[in-house]
Amino acid sequence: MVNKILNLKIFSFTNSREIKLLILIGLIYRLLLFGLYLHTTQFPDSYSFRILAERMLDFNLNGYSGERSPGYPLFLFLAFGQVRLVVIYQFLMGIIASIYWYKTLLNFSFSNRTSLFLALFLQSFLHVFCYETSILSETISLLFISMIFYEITNGYFENKSLKQELYLSFLLGFLVIVKPFFAFLPFLIYGFAILKNFSFQKIISKKLLVLVFPLLSYFGWSYVNKVNTGYFVSTTFFGLNIAQNCVYFAENSSEEYDWISQPYVKHREIAITENRDVAMTIWYAYEAGEFDNKNLSFPDLSNELGKYGKETIKANQSKYWNQVITKSWLDFWNVFDMKEYVKFRIPIVDKALSAVWILQKVILLAFKFAFLILIPFYTFQFFRNRKITYELVIVTTIFSTSFLQAMVVFGTNSKYSFPFEYLMIIVVLMFFRKYFTFAKHLNTSQQ
């Protein structure tokens, strides 16, 4: 029966039995869960994505206030604003991402069978489904991270193909237009490409092409925001996000910004009393209309909040860095609990899946903790051997992401680690395969 299904025309694009099984099982898994859920999850972030998508559907960005970049809203546009269709797109994205995980595992010399089972394991985590049924950009970020790291592990540093350079540049450029935060990633990849078998000739080479589309994406959209709002920023949330970092020392600012700091402190204390998420305090103050008396547009208000944030951080360096390291950075290594927002229709099913998620979360946290321990190990290996390995590239990328996001964002930092969790698991498994006898069977046995 399974063989008959796998021989259907819909699978004619691939001769790989493992990829056919990956698609079939991934599709059945998602349909079964969605049959028990039948919803899409909306977050506060979802609203701003939908606003831009509606603008795009009207083919009119004039006067757009610039809260979002257009990468994720493009898929809302392609779904004609229908969130159910977006979920279908995201299911397809998740399945495609799992194929790239499988192919990446093959690049790391795992056997076909082991790669299949690991790819199925990686997509079985319940929060993957939860993100796919939510109007959030994490699923598309995961897909493009998966495609990018497949290209890197497919001999990118040694390859001199103009086509591959432009393709990887396009992938990175689209990732930047989905999340401008990732604008640092092309420069990191370019740096590794230069260091790998270093020569001065490589500094000015085809590898520079990897920067082209990301720079066009970032500065192109920033220019659109400049035209519409007067501010050359990738997103007008930028200033508000800076101010969000000041939550624990909001009162330690100049009198010039009392109109910001006083309501900020007021709502921080309310949040603490009511056991709400303190990191979102500046949002509570904004939503309560505390700044309405200034009659500022959102871009103008965000700009003022950014000025306040920069000055306050500058005046409270020790408190800021303490928050970055002990709160924001540490939270990156946690797992954002999406299941809390996803309730299945049948109570007993919801309870059973909640129990499964608790176990999965423990497993995922164990892998992330193991990966964190391996960061100094691979760093030491690099300084000892002076070799650029794929493990080093992955470790450096994820550590850089963890630290940079901690510097610019405070609140739900663990969501930033989601697109990299599969890479953390792969690196941990590669370490055990290499250094522990009982894991040797993970090596290639069939190709």
Protein backbone atom coordinates (compact mmCIF):
# COMPACT_ATOMS: atom_id res chain seq x y z
CA MET A 1 0.00 0.00 0.00
CA VAL A 2 2.75 2.43 0.95
CA ASN A 3 4.70 1.56 -2.20
CA LYS A 4 1.62 2.27 -4.34
CA ILE A 5 1.23 5.70 -2.71
CA LEU A 6 4.91 6.49 -3.15
CA ASN A 7 4.68 5.61 -6.84
CA LEU A 8 1.92 8.15 -7.51
CA LYS A 9 2.62 10.95 -10.01
CA ILE A 10 2.76 13.57 -7.25
CA PHE A 11 6.07 12.01 -6.17
CA SER A 12 7.50 11.84 -9.69
CA PHE A 13 9.78 14.85 -9.06
CA THR A 14 12.07 12.72 -6.85
CA ASN A 15 13.52 9.23 -7.14
CA SER A 16 14.40 9.17 -3.44
CA ARG A 17 12.22 6.83 -1.43
CA GLU A 18 13.30 8.61 1.75
CA ILE A 19 12.16 12.01 0.50
CA LYS A 20 8.85 10.51 -0.64
CA LEU A 21 8.34 9.04 2.84
CA LEU A 22 9.35 12.32 4.45
CA ILE A 23 6.71 14.19 2.45
CA LEU A 24 4.00 11.58 3.00
CA ILE A 25 4.53 11.21 6.75
CA GLY A 26 4.96 14.96 7.21
CA LEU A 27 1.70 15.63 5.39
CA ILE A 28 -0.26 12.97 7.31
CA TYR A 29 1.15 14.22 10.63
CA ARG A 30 0.09 17.80 9.93
CA LEU A 31 -3.36 16.88 8.62
CA LEU A 32 -4.08 14.73 11.67
CA LEU A 33 -3.07 17.48 14.07
CA PHE A 34 -4.90 20.16 12.14
CA GLY A 35 -8.01 17.98 12.10
CA LEU A 36 -7.91 18.14 15.90
CA TYR A 37 -7.22 21.89 15.92
CA LEU A 38 -8.96 23.60 12.97
CA HIS A 39 -7.82 27.10 13.92
CA THR A 40 -5.18 29.64 13.12
CA THR A 41 -3.44 31.30 16.05
CA GLN A 42 -3.33 35.10 16.06
CA PHE A 43 -0.77 37.06 18.07
CA PRO A 44 -0.37 40.82 18.59
CA ASP A 45 2.39 40.63 15.95
CA SER A 46 -0.04 39.05 13.49
CA TYR A 47 -2.07 42.26 13.19
CA SER A 48 0.84 44.34 11.88
CA PHE A 49 1.72 41.65 9.33
CA ARG A 50 -1.85 41.64 8.08
CA ILE A 51 -1.95 45.44 7.82
CA LEU A 52 1.01 45.44 5.43
CA ALA A 53 -0.47 42.51 3.48
CA GLU A 54 -3.70 44.47 3.02
CA ARG A 55 -1.67 47.41 1.73
CA MET A 56 0.06 45.09 -0.71
CA LEU A 57 -3.28 43.67 -1.87
CA ASP A 58 -4.39 47.26 -2.59
CA PHE A 59 -1.06 47.84 -4.41
CA ASN A 60 -0.61 50.97 -2.32
CA LEU A 61 2.27 51.49 0.12
CA ASN A 62 1.98 55.28 0.14
CA GLY A 63 2.07 56.54 3.72
CA TYR A 64 2.66 53.07 5.19
CA SER A 65 3.92 53.53 8.76
CA GLY A 66 6.72 50.97 8.37
CA GLU A 67 6.17 48.59 11.28
CA ARG A 68 6.97 45.49 9.20
CA SER A 69 9.21 44.47 6.33
CA PRO A 70 7.40 42.80 3.41
CA GLY A 71 8.91 39.28 3.44
CA TYR A 72 6.24 37.50 5.48
CA PRO A 73 3.31 39.71 4.39
CA LEU A 74 4.15 38.65 0.82
CA PHE A 75 2.78 35.19 1.66
CA LEU A 76 -0.38 36.74 3.10
CA PHE A 77 -0.58 38.65 -0.19
CA LEU A 78 -0.17 35.42 -2.19
CA ALA A 79 -2.91 33.89 -0.03
CA PHE A 80 -5.20 36.85 -0.83
CA GLY A 81 -5.31 37.64 2.88
CA GLN A 82 -6.87 34.25 3.73
CA VAL A 83 -5.18 32.95 6.88
CA ARG A 84 -6.27 29.34 6.26
CA LEU A 85 -4.44 29.42 2.94
CA VAL A 86 -1.39 30.86 4.74
CA VAL A 87 -1.46 27.83 7.04
CA ILE A 88 -1.45 25.52 4.00
CA TYR A 89 1.54 27.43 2.64
CA GLN A 90 3.27 27.06 6.00
CA PHE A 91 2.60 23.32 6.10
CA LEU A 92 4.29 23.09 2.70
CA MET A 93 7.17 25.23 3.96
CA GLY A 94 7.60 22.91 6.94
CA ILE A 95 7.68 19.83 4.71
CA ILE A 96 10.17 21.47 2.32
CA ALA A 97 12.33 22.49 5.29
CA SER A 98 12.39 18.86 6.47
CA ILE A 99 13.67 17.80 3.02
CA TYR A 100 16.53 20.28 3.39
CA TRP A 101 17.27 18.86 6.86
CA TYR A 102 17.44 15.38 5.32
CA LYS A 103 19.78 16.56 2.56
CA THR A 104 21.91 18.50 5.06
CA LEU A 105 22.27 15.35 7.17
CA LEU A 106 23.43 13.50 4.06
CA ASN A 107 26.02 16.25 3.53
CA PHE A 108 27.26 15.44 7.03
CA SER A 109 27.66 11.76 6.04
CA PHE A 110 24.69 10.38 7.96
CA SER A 111 23.18 7.36 6.25
CA ASN A 112 20.00 7.66 4.18
CA ARG A 113 17.98 5.78 6.77
CA THR A 114 19.39 7.70 9.74
CA SER A 115 18.85 11.01 7.93
CA LEU A 116 15.21 10.08 7.29
CA PHE A 117 14.55 9.18 10.93
CA LEU A 118 16.32 12.29 12.20
CA ALA A 119 14.40 14.56 9.80
CA LEU A 120 11.13 12.98 10.98
CA PHE A 121 12.25 13.43 14.59
CA LEU A 122 13.09 17.10 14.02
CA GLN A 123 9.70 17.93 12.52
CA SER A 124 7.80 15.94 15.17
CA PHE A 125 8.26 18.64 17.83
CA LEU A 126 4.82 20.06 18.57
CA HIS A 127 5.92 23.70 18.50
CA VAL A 128 6.84 23.27 14.80
CA PHE A 129 3.15 22.59 14.11
CA CYS A 130 2.13 25.44 16.43
CA TYR A 131 4.24 27.94 14.49
CA GLU A 132 2.92 26.61 11.19
CA THR A 133 -0.67 27.30 12.26
CA SER A 134 0.15 30.82 13.50
CA ILE A 135 0.37 34.10 11.64
CA LEU A 136 4.02 34.62 12.53
CA SER A 137 7.23 34.74 10.48
CA GLU A 138 9.05 31.90 12.28
CA THR A 139 8.08 29.16 9.82
CA ILE A 140 9.36 31.02 6.77
CA SER A 141 12.49 32.04 8.69
CA LEU A 142 13.09 28.36 9.48
CA LEU A 143 12.66 27.41 5.81
CA PHE A 144 15.17 29.96 4.56
CA ILE A 145 17.68 29.20 7.32
CA SER A 146 17.35 25.52 6.31
CA MET A 147 17.93 26.32 2.63
CA ILE A 148 20.88 28.60 3.41
CA PHE A 149 22.68 26.07 5.60
CA TYR A 150 22.06 23.30 3.10
CA GLU A 151 23.84 25.43 0.48
CA ILE A 152 26.70 26.16 2.88
CA THR A 153 27.17 22.48 3.76
CA ASN A 154 26.92 21.54 0.08
CA GLY A 155 30.45 22.75 -0.59
CA TYR A 156 29.76 26.50 -0.75
CA PHE A 157 33.13 27.57 0.63
CA GLU A 158 35.00 25.54 -2.00
CA ASN A 159 32.56 26.20 -4.86
CA LYS A 160 33.39 28.91 -7.41
CA SER A 161 30.05 28.78 -9.23
CA LEU A 162 28.56 32.19 -10.04
CA LYS A 163 25.09 30.59 -10.04
CA GLN A 164 25.49 29.30 -6.47
CA GLU A 165 26.82 32.67 -5.27
CA LEU A 166 23.80 34.49 -6.67
CA TYR A 167 21.37 31.84 -5.38
CA LEU A 168 22.74 32.00 -1.84
CA SER A 169 22.72 35.81 -2.03
CA PHE A 170 19.05 35.70 -3.04
CA LEU A 171 18.18 33.37 -0.14
CA LEU A 172 19.96 35.65 2.31
CA GLY A 173 18.34 38.72 0.77
CA PHE A 174 14.88 37.23 1.19
CA LEU A 175 15.66 36.23 4.78
CA VAL A 176 16.67 39.83 5.49
CA ILE A 177 13.42 41.15 4.03
CA VAL A 178 11.57 38.65 6.29
CA LYS A 179 13.58 39.61 9.39
CA PRO A 180 15.95 42.59 8.99
CA PHE A 181 17.74 41.42 12.15
CA PHE A 182 19.49 38.78 10.03
CA ALA A 183 21.34 41.45 8.03
CA PHE A 184 24.54 40.44 9.86
CA LEU A 185 24.41 36.85 8.55
CA PRO A 186 25.69 37.48 4.97
CA PHE A 187 28.75 39.27 6.38
CA LEU A 188 29.45 36.35 8.71
CA ILE A 189 29.22 33.86 5.82
CA TYR A 190 31.43 36.08 3.66
CA GLY A 191 33.97 36.22 6.49
CA PHE A 192 34.10 32.43 6.75
CA ALA A 193 34.40 32.14 2.95
CA ILE A 194 37.47 34.40 3.08
CA LEU A 195 39.06 32.65 6.09
CA LYS A 196 38.58 29.19 4.56
CA ASN A 197 41.92 28.57 2.83
CA PHE A 198 42.69 32.26 3.18
CA SER A 199 44.34 34.29 0.45
CA PHE A 200 44.25 38.04 -0.18
CA GLN A 201 42.79 37.41 -3.65
CA LYS A 202 39.64 35.99 -2.04
CA ILE A 203 38.81 39.32 -0.37
CA ILE A 204 37.80 40.79 -3.74
CA SER A 205 36.18 37.83 -5.42
CA LYS A 206 32.87 36.28 -6.40
CA LYS A 207 32.21 35.70 -2.70
CA LEU A 208 31.31 39.41 -2.44
CA LEU A 209 28.15 38.60 -4.40
CA VAL A 210 26.71 37.01 -1.27
CA LEU A 211 26.26 40.56 0.09
CA VAL A 212 24.43 42.01 -2.93
CA PHE A 213 20.81 40.93 -2.41
CA PRO A 214 20.88 41.30 1.41
CA LEU A 215 22.14 44.89 1.07
CA LEU A 216 19.55 45.66 -1.61
CA SER A 217 16.80 44.19 0.62
CA TYR A 218 17.84 46.05 3.75
CA PHE A 219 18.58 49.45 2.25
CA GLY A 220 15.82 49.22 -0.34
CA TRP A 221 13.09 48.71 2.26
CA SER A 222 14.70 51.29 4.57
CA TYR A 223 14.44 53.78 1.70
CA VAL A 224 10.74 52.95 1.27
CA ASN A 225 10.29 53.71 4.98
CA LYS A 226 12.27 56.94 4.55
CA VAL A 227 9.88 58.05 1.83
CA ASN A 228 6.79 57.12 3.84
CA THR A 229 7.81 58.09 7.37
CA GLY A 230 10.90 60.26 7.10
CA TYR A 231 13.04 57.67 8.94
CA PHE A 232 15.65 55.51 7.18
CA VAL A 233 15.07 52.34 9.21
CA SER A 234 14.24 48.76 8.29
CA THR A 235 11.23 48.91 10.62
CA THR A 236 9.74 51.71 12.66
CA PHE A 237 9.54 49.33 15.62
CA PHE A 238 13.29 49.94 15.93
CA GLY A 239 13.09 52.86 18.39
CA LEU A 240 10.44 51.20 20.51
CA ASN A 241 12.55 48.02 20.69
CA ILE A 242 15.51 50.05 21.96
CA ALA A 243 13.35 51.61 24.66
CA GLN A 244 12.07 48.15 25.58
CA ASN A 245 15.59 47.30 26.75
CA CYS A 246 15.36 49.95 29.48
CA VAL A 247 12.58 48.34 31.51
CA TYR A 248 14.63 47.69 34.69
CA PHE A 249 16.25 51.13 34.75
CA ALA A 250 13.59 53.19 33.02
CA GLU A 251 13.60 55.87 35.75
CA ASN A 252 17.33 56.55 35.39
CA SER A 253 16.99 59.01 32.54
CA SER A 254 17.20 62.76 32.04
CA GLU A 255 14.31 65.09 32.88
CA GLU A 256 13.85 65.73 29.17
CA TYR A 257 12.33 62.27 28.90
CA ASP A 258 10.15 62.27 32.02
CA TRP A 259 7.12 62.04 29.75
CA ILE A 260 8.41 58.59 28.75
CA SER A 261 10.10 57.33 31.92
CA GLN A 262 7.30 58.13 34.37
CA PRO A 263 4.52 56.16 32.61
CA TYR A 264 7.14 53.50 31.79
CA VAL A 265 7.92 52.97 35.50
CA LYS A 266 4.23 53.16 36.40
CA HIS A 267 3.30 50.33 34.03
CA ARG A 268 6.37 48.31 35.00
CA GLU A 269 5.19 48.28 38.61
CA ILE A 270 1.66 47.37 37.51
CA ALA A 271 3.05 44.52 35.41
CA ILE A 272 5.07 43.22 38.37
CA THR A 273 2.03 43.43 40.67
CA GLU A 274 -0.24 41.67 38.18
CA ASN A 275 2.43 39.09 37.30
CA ARG A 276 2.41 40.10 33.63
CA ASP A 277 5.36 39.96 31.24
CA VAL A 278 7.54 42.85 32.46
CA ALA A 279 9.48 42.88 29.18
CA MET A 280 6.37 44.21 27.42
CA THR A 281 6.01 47.21 29.75
CA ILE A 282 6.62 49.89 27.11
CA TRP A 283 3.85 48.28 25.03
CA TYR A 284 1.48 48.40 28.00
CA ALA A 285 2.18 52.10 28.39
CA TYR A 286 1.70 52.70 24.66
CA GLU A 287 -1.55 50.72 24.48
CA ALA A 288 -2.86 52.55 27.57
CA GLY A 289 -2.51 55.83 25.66
CA GLU A 290 0.15 57.26 27.98
CA PHE A 291 1.85 59.08 25.09
CA ASP A 292 -1.27 60.26 23.24
CA ASN A 293 -0.95 63.78 24.61
CA LYS A 294 2.13 64.29 22.43
CA ASN A 295 0.03 63.80 19.26
CA LEU A 296 2.84 61.88 17.58
CA SER A 297 2.47 59.40 14.75
CA PHE A 298 3.80 55.94 15.53
CA PRO A 299 7.04 56.48 13.54
CA ASP A 300 7.63 59.80 15.31
CA LEU A 301 6.88 58.29 18.73
CA SER A 302 9.16 55.33 18.05
CA ASN A 303 11.91 57.72 17.03
CA GLU A 304 11.54 59.60 20.33
CA LEU A 305 11.49 56.34 22.26
CA GLY A 306 14.68 55.34 20.44
CA LYS A 307 16.39 58.57 21.50
CA TYR A 308 15.25 57.98 25.08
CA GLY A 309 16.44 54.36 24.94
CA LYS A 310 19.90 55.19 23.61
CA GLU A 311 20.48 57.91 26.19
CA THR A 312 19.16 55.79 29.06
CA ILE A 313 21.23 52.75 28.06
CA LYS A 314 24.32 54.93 27.75
CA ALA A 315 23.75 56.23 31.28
CA ASN A 316 23.14 52.74 32.70
CA GLN A 317 25.74 50.55 31.02
CA SER A 318 26.24 48.07 33.87
CA LYS A 319 22.51 47.51 34.33
CA TYR A 320 22.00 47.18 30.59
CA TRP A 321 24.74 44.57 30.16
CA ASN A 322 23.53 42.69 33.22
CA GLN A 323 20.09 42.49 31.61
CA VAL A 324 21.57 41.46 28.24
CA ILE A 325 23.56 38.59 29.73
CA THR A 326 21.40 37.37 32.61
CA LYS A 327 17.99 37.78 30.97
CA SER A 328 17.92 38.30 27.20
CA TRP A 329 20.86 36.06 26.29
CA LEU A 330 19.91 33.28 28.69
CA ASP A 331 16.32 33.35 27.43
CA PHE A 332 17.57 32.62 23.90
CA TRP A 333 18.51 29.13 25.12
CA ASN A 334 15.02 28.49 26.45
CA VAL A 335 12.12 27.16 24.36
CA PHE A 336 9.26 29.53 23.63
CA ASP A 337 6.09 27.76 24.77
CA MET A 338 3.82 27.98 21.72
CA LYS A 339 1.57 25.22 23.10
CA GLU A 340 0.29 27.71 25.67
CA TYR A 341 -1.46 29.56 22.83
CA VAL A 342 -2.68 26.50 20.93
CA LYS A 343 -5.72 24.70 22.34
CA PHE A 344 -7.01 21.59 20.58
CA ARG A 345 -10.76 21.14 20.30
CA ILE A 346 -11.02 17.88 22.27
CA PRO A 347 -9.96 18.41 25.92
CA ILE A 348 -8.47 14.93 26.40
CA VAL A 349 -6.44 15.33 23.19
CA ASP A 350 -5.25 18.75 24.32
CA LYS A 351 -4.11 17.30 27.66
CA ALA A 352 -2.36 14.37 25.98
CA LEU A 353 -0.53 16.65 23.53
CA SER A 354 0.39 19.00 26.37
CA ALA A 355 2.02 16.05 28.15
CA VAL A 356 3.85 15.09 24.95
CA TRP A 357 5.03 18.69 24.58
CA ILE A 358 6.39 18.75 28.14
CA LEU A 359 8.53 15.71 27.30
CA GLN A 360 9.59 17.18 23.95
CA LYS A 361 10.48 20.46 25.63
CA VAL A 362 12.75 18.64 28.09
CA ILE A 363 14.45 16.82 25.20
CA LEU A 364 14.89 20.05 23.27
CA LEU A 365 16.27 21.89 26.29
CA ALA A 366 18.75 19.05 26.86
CA PHE A 367 19.99 19.37 23.26
CA LYS A 368 20.26 23.15 23.56
CA PHE A 369 22.17 22.87 26.83
CA ALA A 370 24.52 20.32 25.25
CA PHE A 371 25.03 22.63 22.27
CA LEU A 372 25.81 25.54 24.59
CA ILE A 373 28.51 23.44 26.27
CA LEU A 374 29.98 22.60 22.85
CA ILE A 375 30.49 26.27 21.90
CA PRO A 376 33.79 26.64 23.85
CA PHE A 377 34.86 23.17 22.66
CA TYR A 378 34.61 24.04 18.95
CA THR A 379 36.09 27.48 19.60
CA PHE A 380 39.11 25.82 21.22
CA GLN A 381 39.32 23.35 18.33
CA PHE A 382 39.51 26.26 15.88
CA PHE A 383 42.31 28.05 17.71
CA ARG A 384 44.22 24.78 18.01
CA ASN A 385 43.78 23.50 14.44
CA ARG A 386 43.10 26.75 12.53
CA LYS A 387 40.49 24.95 10.45
CA ILE A 388 37.09 26.26 9.36
CA THR A 389 34.69 23.36 9.89
CA TYR A 390 30.94 23.28 9.34
CA GLU A 391 30.49 22.76 13.08
CA LEU A 392 32.44 25.97 13.72
CA VAL A 393 30.33 27.89 11.17
CA ILE A 394 27.09 26.71 12.80
CA VAL A 395 28.32 27.31 16.36
CA THR A 396 29.59 30.80 15.51
CA THR A 397 26.40 31.74 13.65
CA ILE A 398 24.12 30.64 16.47
CA PHE A 399 26.27 32.19 19.20
CA SER A 400 26.43 35.47 17.24
CA THR A 401 22.65 35.39 16.84
CA SER A 402 22.16 34.72 20.55
CA PHE A 403 24.33 37.66 21.56
CA LEU A 404 23.19 40.19 18.95
CA GLN A 405 19.49 39.56 19.59
CA ALA A 406 20.12 39.93 23.32
CA MET A 407 21.63 43.36 22.67
CA VAL A 408 18.73 44.70 20.60
CA VAL A 409 15.67 42.85 21.92
CA PHE A 410 14.27 42.20 25.37
CA GLY A 411 11.25 39.94 25.54
CA THR A 412 10.39 36.56 23.93
CA ASN A 413 14.08 36.14 23.05
CA SER A 414 13.65 32.37 22.91
CA LYS A 415 11.70 32.76 19.65
CA TYR A 416 14.92 33.84 17.95
CA SER A 417 16.46 30.41 18.55
CA PHE A 418 13.62 28.48 16.88
CA PRO A 419 15.02 28.54 13.30
CA PHE A 420 18.36 27.24 14.60
CA GLU A 421 17.17 24.46 16.90
CA TYR A 422 17.47 21.75 14.23
CA LEU A 423 21.10 22.80 13.65
CA MET A 424 21.82 22.60 17.39
CA ILE A 425 20.50 19.04 17.47
CA ILE A 426 22.52 18.06 14.40
CA VAL A 427 25.76 19.48 15.84
CA VAL A 428 25.23 17.63 19.14
CA LEU A 429 24.58 14.37 17.27
CA MET A 430 27.68 14.90 15.12
CA PHE A 431 29.76 15.41 18.24
CA PHE A 432 28.48 12.18 19.81
CA ARG A 433 28.95 10.29 16.55
CA LYS A 434 32.56 11.40 16.34
CA TYR A 435 33.65 11.01 19.97
CA PHE A 436 31.46 8.24 21.42
CA THR A 437 31.60 4.63 20.28
CA PHE A 438 27.90 3.87 20.86
CA ALA A 439 26.95 6.52 18.25
CA LYS A 440 29.22 5.27 15.47
CA HIS A 441 26.30 3.59 13.70
CA LEU A 442 25.07 7.06 12.73
CA ASN A 443 27.80 7.17 10.10
CA THR A 444 27.08 6.45 6.46
CA SER A 445 26.11 2.85 5.83
CA GLN A 446 24.04 3.24 2.69
CA GLN A 447 24.01 5.87 -0.02
